[in-house]
Amino acid sequence: MNLLQSLARKKVYLIWLVVVVTVGIALKMTLLAPPRVKVVTAEKRDLTAQVYGNGTVEAKVVVGVSSKITGRIVELYADQGDRVKRGQLLAKLENDDFRHQQLQSEAGVSRSAAALNVELANLQKARTNQVLAEKNAQRFKALSEKNFVSRLEAEQYDTACQVVREEVARSQAAVEAARMEQRANSAGLGVARSKVADTVIYAPQDGVIITRDLEKGATVSPGLTIFTLADPRTVWVKANVDESSLQGVDVGRKAIISLRSSSGVPLPGHVARLGRQSDRVTEELEVDVAFDDPLKNFRLGEQSDLYIITGMKKDALTLPAAAIVTNDKKSGVWVVADGRLAFKAVSVGITDRSNFSEIVTGLDAGARVAVASPPEMAKFKEGQKVRAVK
């Protein structure tokens, strides 16, 4: 009996011993175990630093095609989406009144030309009479001095000569007046012809019709747009870039453009122009990025994403950007060696779209670095034990 009781007590002790050991192992493996951290290896790769911007497709050159005169549209020869050439006929306005004015002006020019011819003939006649009158006056003056004719008769010829001279002067003035009238009528004819020409509207440049704003039968007035024309060679993306990302963004930098209508199809471009005034609310700057190859089909106002390439590195030593922390005002990483953490200061270069950062100095290739969420990494301490996982 005592033997059975003794065995029972030993069995209970063994059970409790197993339980205690199991609990100890469990605590060591869970609550008391070193924290698990993800470990990445510093590797070499090619990096491309890019600055992101969001914007819309716009055209630098957008021209409103309108009329110089008021008139009714009788014909339209282009529609929205058409590509047109400089000088191509786009529209015609009603021109009956202007044609009548042109005919009237042409008649006035002919009339003034005839009047000028008449006055020129009168001037030529007056000059001929002047020559004859001057000869008679000189002849009778010489005869009077020799007493062959009376002085009164000589004075009469001299007076007749003065009258003829005045007639010549009057004819010259009449010729000048006729010429002025002819110039005025010619100018009027030019205006009339110009108005007739203004009833025919041509494309001012090569481009694409973006909108047709009026239809046949509508009355157009000066400045009222009939067509809106855009030059496809000047189509670009107007994007907004955060001020904090502007370092390295310069005119001529290469860029990759992604249109919403062709997502996933990168289009090459380059920075064409930088704004000089940031938005004071959004703290963003306007950057204009042109397409290397003009778009054949474009939609003004289409949403676009672009990535401006600000730097490239070949075979750069890299780490995920999340592995880089700031400790005691120094940038660095937590290196895992022999199951413990050690902080190593590093200098960081460019970062690409995949969030890989260049490690310029402070780390060797193959180094194993801990990565965790920012709150967890803020608790890391020098020499802390960790369990590395991939």
Protein backbone atom coordinates (compact mmCIF):
# COMPACT_ATOMS: atom_id res chain seq x y z
CA MET A 1 0.00 0.00 0.00
CA ASN A 2 2.77 2.41 0.90
CA LEU A 3 4.50 1.44 -2.32
CA LEU A 4 1.44 2.31 -4.38
CA GLN A 5 1.06 5.66 -2.61
CA SER A 6 4.74 6.41 -3.19
CA LEU A 7 4.44 5.62 -6.89
CA ALA A 8 1.35 7.79 -7.15
CA ARG A 9 3.13 10.72 -5.53
CA LYS A 10 6.13 10.32 -7.89
CA LYS A 11 3.77 10.22 -10.87
CA VAL A 12 2.15 13.48 -9.76
CA TYR A 13 5.59 15.06 -9.35
CA LEU A 14 6.62 13.90 -12.81
CA ILE A 15 3.44 15.32 -14.33
CA TRP A 16 4.00 18.67 -12.66
CA LEU A 17 7.64 18.62 -13.73
CA VAL A 18 6.61 18.02 -17.35
CA VAL A 19 4.02 20.80 -17.12
CA VAL A 20 6.55 23.26 -15.69
CA VAL A 21 9.14 22.39 -18.32
CA THR A 22 6.56 22.66 -21.08
CA VAL A 23 5.36 26.03 -19.80
CA GLY A 24 8.95 27.24 -19.55
CA ILE A 25 9.71 26.17 -23.08
CA ALA A 26 6.49 27.77 -24.30
CA LEU A 27 7.32 31.04 -22.53
CA LYS A 28 10.81 30.98 -23.94
CA MET A 29 9.46 30.38 -27.41
CA THR A 30 6.75 33.05 -27.17
CA LEU A 31 6.72 35.80 -24.57
CA LEU A 32 10.36 35.54 -23.62
CA ALA A 33 11.64 34.77 -27.13
CA PRO A 34 13.56 37.43 -29.12
CA PRO A 35 11.32 39.29 -31.56
CA ARG A 36 11.10 38.01 -35.11
CA VAL A 37 12.31 40.48 -37.74
CA LYS A 38 12.40 40.29 -41.51
CA VAL A 39 15.91 40.37 -42.89
CA VAL A 40 16.92 41.66 -46.32
CA THR A 41 20.31 41.53 -48.00
CA ALA A 42 22.11 44.54 -49.47
CA GLU A 43 22.35 43.82 -53.19
CA LYS A 44 23.52 45.62 -56.31
CA ARG A 45 20.99 46.67 -58.91
CA ASP A 46 20.30 49.43 -61.44
CA LEU A 47 18.37 52.38 -60.03
CA THR A 48 16.40 55.12 -61.75
CA ALA A 49 15.31 58.05 -59.63
CA GLN A 50 11.97 59.43 -60.74
CA VAL A 51 9.76 62.31 -59.63
CA TYR A 52 6.01 61.78 -59.89
CA GLY A 53 3.56 64.32 -61.21
CA ASN A 54 -0.13 64.26 -62.06
CA GLY A 55 -1.63 66.46 -64.75
CA THR A 56 -3.69 66.77 -67.91
CA VAL A 57 -3.03 66.78 -71.64
CA GLU A 58 -3.06 70.34 -72.96
CA ALA A 59 -1.97 72.19 -76.09
CA LYS A 60 0.41 75.12 -75.95
CA VAL A 61 -0.99 76.57 -79.18
CA VAL A 62 -4.80 76.67 -79.27
CA VAL A 63 -6.30 79.06 -81.84
CA GLY A 64 -9.89 80.21 -82.06
CA VAL A 65 -10.87 80.57 -85.74
CA SER A 66 -13.34 83.42 -86.06
CA SER A 67 -14.59 86.01 -88.56
CA LYS A 68 -13.51 89.64 -88.92
CA ILE A 69 -17.00 90.68 -90.00
CA THR A 70 -20.61 90.00 -89.13
CA GLY A 71 -22.34 87.59 -91.46
CA ARG A 72 -24.39 84.44 -91.81
CA ILE A 73 -22.61 81.13 -92.31
CA VAL A 74 -23.62 79.55 -95.61
CA GLU A 75 -21.09 76.70 -95.81
CA LEU A 76 -18.85 74.73 -93.42
CA TYR A 77 -16.06 72.54 -94.82
CA ALA A 78 -14.53 71.02 -91.64
CA ASP A 79 -15.75 69.25 -88.54
CA GLN A 80 -14.52 68.30 -85.12
CA GLY A 81 -11.56 65.92 -85.26
CA ASP A 82 -10.49 66.86 -88.80
CA ARG A 83 -6.83 67.56 -89.50
CA VAL A 84 -6.42 70.70 -91.60
CA LYS A 85 -3.55 72.43 -93.37
CA ARG A 86 -2.64 76.10 -93.29
CA GLY A 87 -4.75 77.95 -95.90
CA GLN A 88 -7.38 75.23 -96.14
CA LEU A 89 -10.95 76.50 -96.69
CA LEU A 90 -13.01 76.09 -93.51
CA ALA A 91 -16.16 78.20 -93.96
CA LYS A 92 -18.00 80.73 -96.14
CA LEU A 93 -20.22 83.62 -95.10
CA GLU A 94 -22.99 85.30 -97.05
CA ASN A 95 -21.33 87.97 -99.25
CA ASP A 96 -24.02 89.54 -101.52
CA ASP A 97 -23.89 92.97 -99.86
CA PHE A 98 -20.11 93.04 -99.90
CA ARG A 99 -20.00 91.99 -103.57
CA HIS A 100 -22.30 94.92 -104.44
CA GLN A 101 -20.09 97.28 -102.46
CA GLN A 102 -17.07 95.96 -104.36
CA LEU A 103 -18.81 96.57 -107.72
CA GLN A 104 -19.74 100.06 -106.60
CA SER A 105 -16.15 100.76 -105.56
CA GLU A 106 -14.82 99.42 -108.86
CA ALA A 107 -17.16 101.78 -110.72
CA GLY A 108 -15.93 104.68 -108.58
CA VAL A 109 -12.32 103.83 -109.41
CA SER A 110 -13.14 103.76 -113.13
CA ARG A 111 -14.99 107.08 -112.84
CA SER A 112 -12.12 108.75 -111.04
CA ALA A 113 -9.66 107.41 -113.63
CA ALA A 114 -11.72 108.95 -116.41
CA ALA A 115 -11.97 112.25 -114.52
CA LEU A 116 -8.19 112.24 -114.07
CA ASN A 117 -7.70 111.75 -117.81
CA VAL A 118 -9.99 114.71 -118.50
CA GLU A 119 -8.08 116.94 -116.10
CA LEU A 120 -4.76 115.84 -117.56
CA ALA A 121 -6.02 116.79 -121.03
CA ASN A 122 -7.18 120.19 -119.74
CA LEU A 123 -3.76 120.72 -118.13
CA GLN A 124 -1.99 119.88 -121.38
CA LYS A 125 -4.26 122.32 -123.26
CA ALA A 126 -3.63 125.06 -120.69
CA ARG A 127 0.14 124.58 -120.94
CA THR A 128 -0.04 124.84 -124.73
CA ASN A 129 -2.07 128.05 -124.44
CA GLN A 130 0.47 129.35 -121.93
CA VAL A 131 3.33 128.85 -124.37
CA LEU A 132 1.41 130.74 -127.11
CA ALA A 133 0.34 133.53 -124.71
CA GLU A 134 3.91 134.05 -123.45
CA LYS A 135 5.23 134.33 -127.03
CA ASN A 136 2.50 136.87 -127.98
CA ALA A 137 3.14 138.90 -124.83
CA GLN A 138 6.90 139.02 -125.49
CA ARG A 139 6.32 139.90 -129.18
CA PHE A 140 3.88 142.75 -128.49
CA LYS A 141 6.05 144.05 -125.67
CA ALA A 142 8.99 144.36 -128.12
CA LEU A 143 6.74 146.05 -130.72
CA SER A 144 5.42 148.45 -128.11
CA GLU A 145 8.95 149.45 -127.13
CA LYS A 146 9.54 150.33 -130.85
CA ASN A 147 6.18 152.17 -131.02
CA PHE A 148 4.86 149.82 -133.70
CA VAL A 149 1.81 149.00 -131.52
CA SER A 150 0.20 150.83 -128.68
CA ARG A 151 1.16 150.14 -125.06
CA LEU A 152 -2.47 149.28 -124.31
CA GLU A 153 -2.46 146.47 -126.83
CA ALA A 154 0.82 145.10 -125.40
CA GLU A 155 -0.65 145.19 -121.90
CA GLN A 156 -3.70 143.27 -123.10
CA TYR A 157 -1.48 140.42 -124.35
CA ASP A 158 0.48 140.46 -121.10
CA THR A 159 -2.79 140.20 -119.13
CA ALA A 160 -3.94 137.35 -121.34
CA CYS A 161 -0.65 135.59 -120.56
CA GLN A 162 -1.28 135.97 -116.80
CA VAL A 163 -4.79 134.52 -117.22
CA VAL A 164 -3.38 131.49 -119.04
CA ARG A 165 -0.82 130.95 -116.26
CA GLU A 166 -3.66 130.92 -113.70
CA GLU A 167 -5.52 128.43 -115.85
CA VAL A 168 -2.46 126.16 -115.85
CA ALA A 169 -2.28 126.38 -112.04
CA ARG A 170 -6.01 125.60 -111.79
CA SER A 171 -5.61 122.60 -114.10
CA GLN A 172 -2.69 121.32 -112.02
CA ALA A 173 -4.81 121.57 -108.85
CA ALA A 174 -7.68 119.80 -110.62
CA VAL A 175 -5.31 116.99 -111.68
CA GLU A 176 -4.06 116.61 -108.09
CA ALA A 177 -7.64 116.55 -106.80
CA ALA A 178 -8.54 113.89 -109.37
CA ARG A 179 -5.55 111.82 -108.30
CA MET A 180 -6.54 112.11 -104.63
CA GLU A 181 -10.06 111.03 -105.49
CA GLN A 182 -8.66 108.13 -107.44
CA ARG A 183 -6.52 107.07 -104.44
CA ALA A 184 -9.55 107.36 -102.15
CA ASN A 185 -11.67 105.27 -104.50
CA SER A 186 -8.86 102.70 -104.80
CA ALA A 187 -8.63 102.51 -101.00
CA GLY A 188 -12.40 102.07 -100.83
CA LEU A 189 -12.13 99.30 -103.40
CA GLY A 190 -9.44 97.66 -101.28
CA VAL A 191 -11.73 97.75 -98.25
CA ALA A 192 -14.59 96.30 -100.26
CA ARG A 193 -12.40 93.52 -101.63
CA SER A 194 -11.09 92.84 -98.14
CA LYS A 195 -14.63 92.45 -96.81
CA VAL A 196 -15.46 90.07 -99.64
CA ALA A 197 -12.29 88.11 -98.84
CA ASP A 198 -13.27 88.08 -95.14
CA THR A 199 -16.40 86.13 -96.04
CA VAL A 200 -14.13 83.18 -96.86
CA ILE A 201 -12.41 81.73 -93.77
CA TYR A 202 -9.21 79.70 -94.05
CA ALA A 203 -7.17 77.71 -91.52
CA PRO A 204 -4.50 80.00 -90.02
CA GLN A 205 -2.11 77.05 -89.46
CA ASP A 206 -1.79 73.29 -89.54
CA GLY A 207 -3.71 71.58 -86.77
CA VAL A 208 -6.64 69.53 -85.56
CA ILE A 209 -10.18 70.87 -85.16
CA ILE A 210 -10.91 70.47 -81.45
CA THR A 211 -14.44 71.89 -81.54
CA ARG A 212 -16.89 73.24 -84.12
CA ASP A 213 -18.75 75.92 -82.18
CA LEU A 214 -21.24 77.19 -84.80
CA GLU A 215 -23.31 75.54 -87.49
CA LYS A 216 -24.55 76.47 -90.96
CA GLY A 217 -27.11 79.28 -90.86
CA ALA A 218 -25.77 80.83 -87.65
CA THR A 219 -24.81 84.49 -87.62
CA VAL A 220 -21.22 85.11 -86.64
CA SER A 221 -19.82 88.37 -85.31
CA PRO A 222 -16.19 89.50 -85.00
CA GLY A 223 -14.40 87.51 -82.32
CA LEU A 224 -17.06 84.80 -82.07
CA THR A 225 -15.32 81.43 -82.47
CA ILE A 226 -16.43 79.15 -85.29
CA PHE A 227 -13.71 76.51 -84.80
CA THR A 228 -11.12 75.80 -82.12
CA LEU A 229 -7.87 74.63 -83.64
CA ALA A 230 -4.94 73.01 -81.79
CA ASP A 231 -1.44 72.35 -83.08
CA PRO A 232 -0.64 68.67 -82.30
CA ARG A 233 3.08 69.45 -82.30
CA THR A 234 2.59 71.54 -79.16
CA VAL A 235 0.51 69.03 -77.19
CA TRP A 236 2.06 68.30 -73.78
CA VAL A 237 1.17 67.36 -70.23
CA LYS A 238 0.71 70.13 -67.69
CA ALA A 239 1.55 68.45 -64.40
CA ASN A 240 1.83 69.52 -60.79
CA VAL A 241 4.90 68.38 -58.86
CA ASP A 242 5.34 68.68 -55.11
CA GLU A 243 7.94 71.30 -54.17
CA SER A 244 9.77 68.79 -51.98
CA SER A 245 10.46 66.60 -55.05
CA LEU A 246 11.74 69.29 -57.43
CA GLN A 247 15.45 68.65 -56.90
CA GLY A 248 16.91 67.47 -60.20
CA VAL A 249 13.85 68.49 -62.23
CA ASP A 250 15.26 70.63 -65.05
CA VAL A 251 14.33 71.50 -68.62
CA GLY A 252 15.38 68.68 -70.92
CA ARG A 253 15.06 65.89 -68.35
CA LYS A 254 13.63 62.69 -69.79
CA ALA A 255 10.19 61.61 -68.60
CA ILE A 256 7.74 58.74 -68.93
CA ILE A 257 4.09 59.66 -69.57
CA SER A 258 1.15 57.38 -68.87
CA LEU A 259 -2.25 58.39 -70.23
CA ARG A 260 -5.44 57.19 -68.58
CA SER A 261 -6.74 55.96 -71.95
CA SER A 262 -3.63 53.82 -72.49
CA SER A 263 -2.63 52.81 -69.00
CA GLY A 264 0.43 50.63 -68.95
CA VAL A 265 1.77 51.99 -72.24
CA PRO A 266 4.67 54.32 -71.37
CA LEU A 267 5.21 57.24 -73.73
CA PRO A 268 8.61 58.94 -73.83
CA GLY A 269 8.78 62.67 -73.20
CA HIS A 270 10.95 65.44 -71.79
CA VAL A 271 10.56 68.47 -69.56
CA ALA A 272 9.83 71.42 -71.85
CA ARG A 273 9.09 74.20 -69.36
CA LEU A 274 9.11 74.85 -65.63
CA GLY A 275 6.80 77.23 -63.85
CA ARG A 276 8.20 80.08 -61.82
CA GLN A 277 5.38 80.39 -59.26
CA SER A 278 4.21 77.61 -56.96
CA ASP A 279 0.64 77.17 -55.79
CA ARG A 280 0.60 78.64 -52.29
CA VAL A 281 -2.14 76.26 -51.16
CA THR A 282 -1.04 72.91 -52.59
CA GLU A 283 2.69 73.79 -52.54
CA GLU A 284 3.10 72.37 -56.03
CA LEU A 285 4.81 73.73 -59.13
CA GLU A 286 3.54 73.42 -62.70
CA VAL A 287 5.84 71.39 -64.96
CA ASP A 288 5.16 71.06 -68.70
CA VAL A 289 6.32 67.77 -70.22
CA ALA A 290 6.30 67.41 -74.02
CA PHE A 291 5.93 64.15 -75.93
CA ASP A 292 9.02 63.07 -77.87
CA ASP A 293 6.72 61.89 -80.68
CA PRO A 294 3.59 64.02 -81.26
CA LEU A 295 0.39 62.20 -80.40
CA LYS A 296 -1.71 61.17 -83.38
CA ASN A 297 -4.86 60.90 -81.31
CA PHE A 298 -5.14 63.12 -78.27
CA ARG A 299 -7.85 64.43 -75.99
CA LEU A 300 -7.23 67.74 -74.30
CA GLY A 301 -7.89 67.54 -70.59
CA GLU A 302 -7.16 63.78 -70.32
CA GLN A 303 -5.70 62.77 -66.96
CA SER A 304 -2.07 61.70 -67.09
CA ASP A 305 0.63 60.41 -64.79
CA LEU A 306 4.24 61.19 -65.47
CA TYR A 307 7.57 60.24 -64.01
CA ILE A 308 10.50 62.60 -64.52
CA ILE A 309 13.86 60.84 -64.53
CA THR A 310 16.23 62.81 -62.28
CA GLY A 311 19.06 60.30 -61.95
CA MET A 312 20.32 56.84 -62.94
CA LYS A 313 22.85 54.52 -61.29
CA LYS A 314 24.30 51.23 -62.58
CA ASP A 315 25.17 48.40 -60.16
CA ALA A 316 24.38 50.49 -57.13
CA LEU A 317 24.34 48.87 -53.67
CA THR A 318 20.69 49.03 -52.61
CA LEU A 319 18.28 48.30 -49.79
CA PRO A 320 14.54 48.73 -49.45
CA ALA A 321 13.87 52.33 -48.42
CA ALA A 322 11.89 51.01 -45.42
CA ALA A 323 15.11 49.59 -43.95
CA ILE A 324 16.67 53.05 -43.57
CA VAL A 325 15.94 54.79 -40.27
CA THR A 326 17.11 57.84 -38.37
CA ASN A 327 18.83 57.18 -35.08
CA ASP A 328 20.39 59.95 -33.04
CA LYS A 329 19.97 62.31 -36.03
CA LYS A 330 21.92 59.93 -38.27
CA SER A 331 20.63 57.91 -41.21
CA GLY A 332 21.44 54.24 -40.89
CA VAL A 333 20.28 50.64 -40.84
CA TRP A 334 20.00 47.86 -38.24
CA VAL A 335 22.40 45.13 -39.24
CA VAL A 336 21.67 41.60 -38.00
CA ALA A 337 24.81 39.65 -37.01
CA ASP A 338 24.90 36.56 -34.79
CA GLY A 339 21.26 37.08 -33.85
CA ARG A 340 21.81 40.61 -32.51
CA LEU A 341 21.12 44.11 -33.84
CA ALA A 342 23.83 46.67 -34.54
CA PHE A 343 23.18 50.17 -35.87
CA LYS A 344 25.35 51.25 -38.77
CA ALA A 345 25.28 54.79 -40.15
CA VAL A 346 25.01 55.01 -43.95
CA SER A 347 24.82 57.73 -46.55
CA VAL A 348 21.87 57.40 -48.93
CA GLY A 349 21.74 58.29 -52.63
CA ILE A 350 18.81 58.09 -55.05
CA THR A 351 15.55 56.18 -54.55
CA ASP A 352 13.58 54.63 -57.41
CA ARG A 353 9.86 53.97 -57.93
CA SER A 354 10.20 50.49 -56.40
CA ASN A 355 11.32 52.14 -53.14
CA PHE A 356 14.85 50.83 -53.32
CA SER A 357 17.45 53.30 -52.07
CA GLU A 358 21.10 53.58 -52.99
CA ILE A 359 23.57 53.01 -50.16
CA VAL A 360 26.57 55.16 -51.01
CA THR A 361 28.78 54.44 -48.00
CA GLY A 362 28.62 52.61 -44.70
CA LEU A 363 27.58 49.13 -45.83
CA ASP A 364 29.04 46.21 -47.77
CA ALA A 365 27.28 44.04 -50.31
CA GLY A 366 25.69 40.99 -48.69
CA ALA A 367 25.05 42.67 -45.36
CA ARG A 368 21.88 41.41 -43.65
CA VAL A 369 19.59 44.25 -42.54
CA ALA A 370 16.46 44.16 -40.40
CA VAL A 371 13.19 45.56 -41.80
CA ALA A 372 10.01 46.11 -39.79
CA SER A 373 7.23 48.61 -39.40
CA PRO A 374 8.35 52.09 -38.24
CA PRO A 375 6.84 51.67 -34.73
CA GLU A 376 8.68 48.36 -34.28
CA MET A 377 11.97 49.70 -35.63
CA ALA A 378 11.71 52.65 -33.24
CA LYS A 379 12.00 50.11 -30.37
CA PHE A 380 15.18 48.50 -31.70
CA LYS A 381 18.21 48.75 -29.42
CA GLU A 382 21.90 48.14 -29.87
CA GLY A 383 22.76 44.51 -29.16
CA GLN A 384 19.12 43.42 -28.99
CA LYS A 385 18.51 39.73 -29.71
CA VAL A 386 16.27 39.02 -32.70
CA ARG A 387 15.15 36.07 -34.75
CA ALA A 388 15.75 36.57 -38.44
CA VAL A 389 13.14 35.53 -40.96
CA LYS A 390 13.05 36.05 -44.70
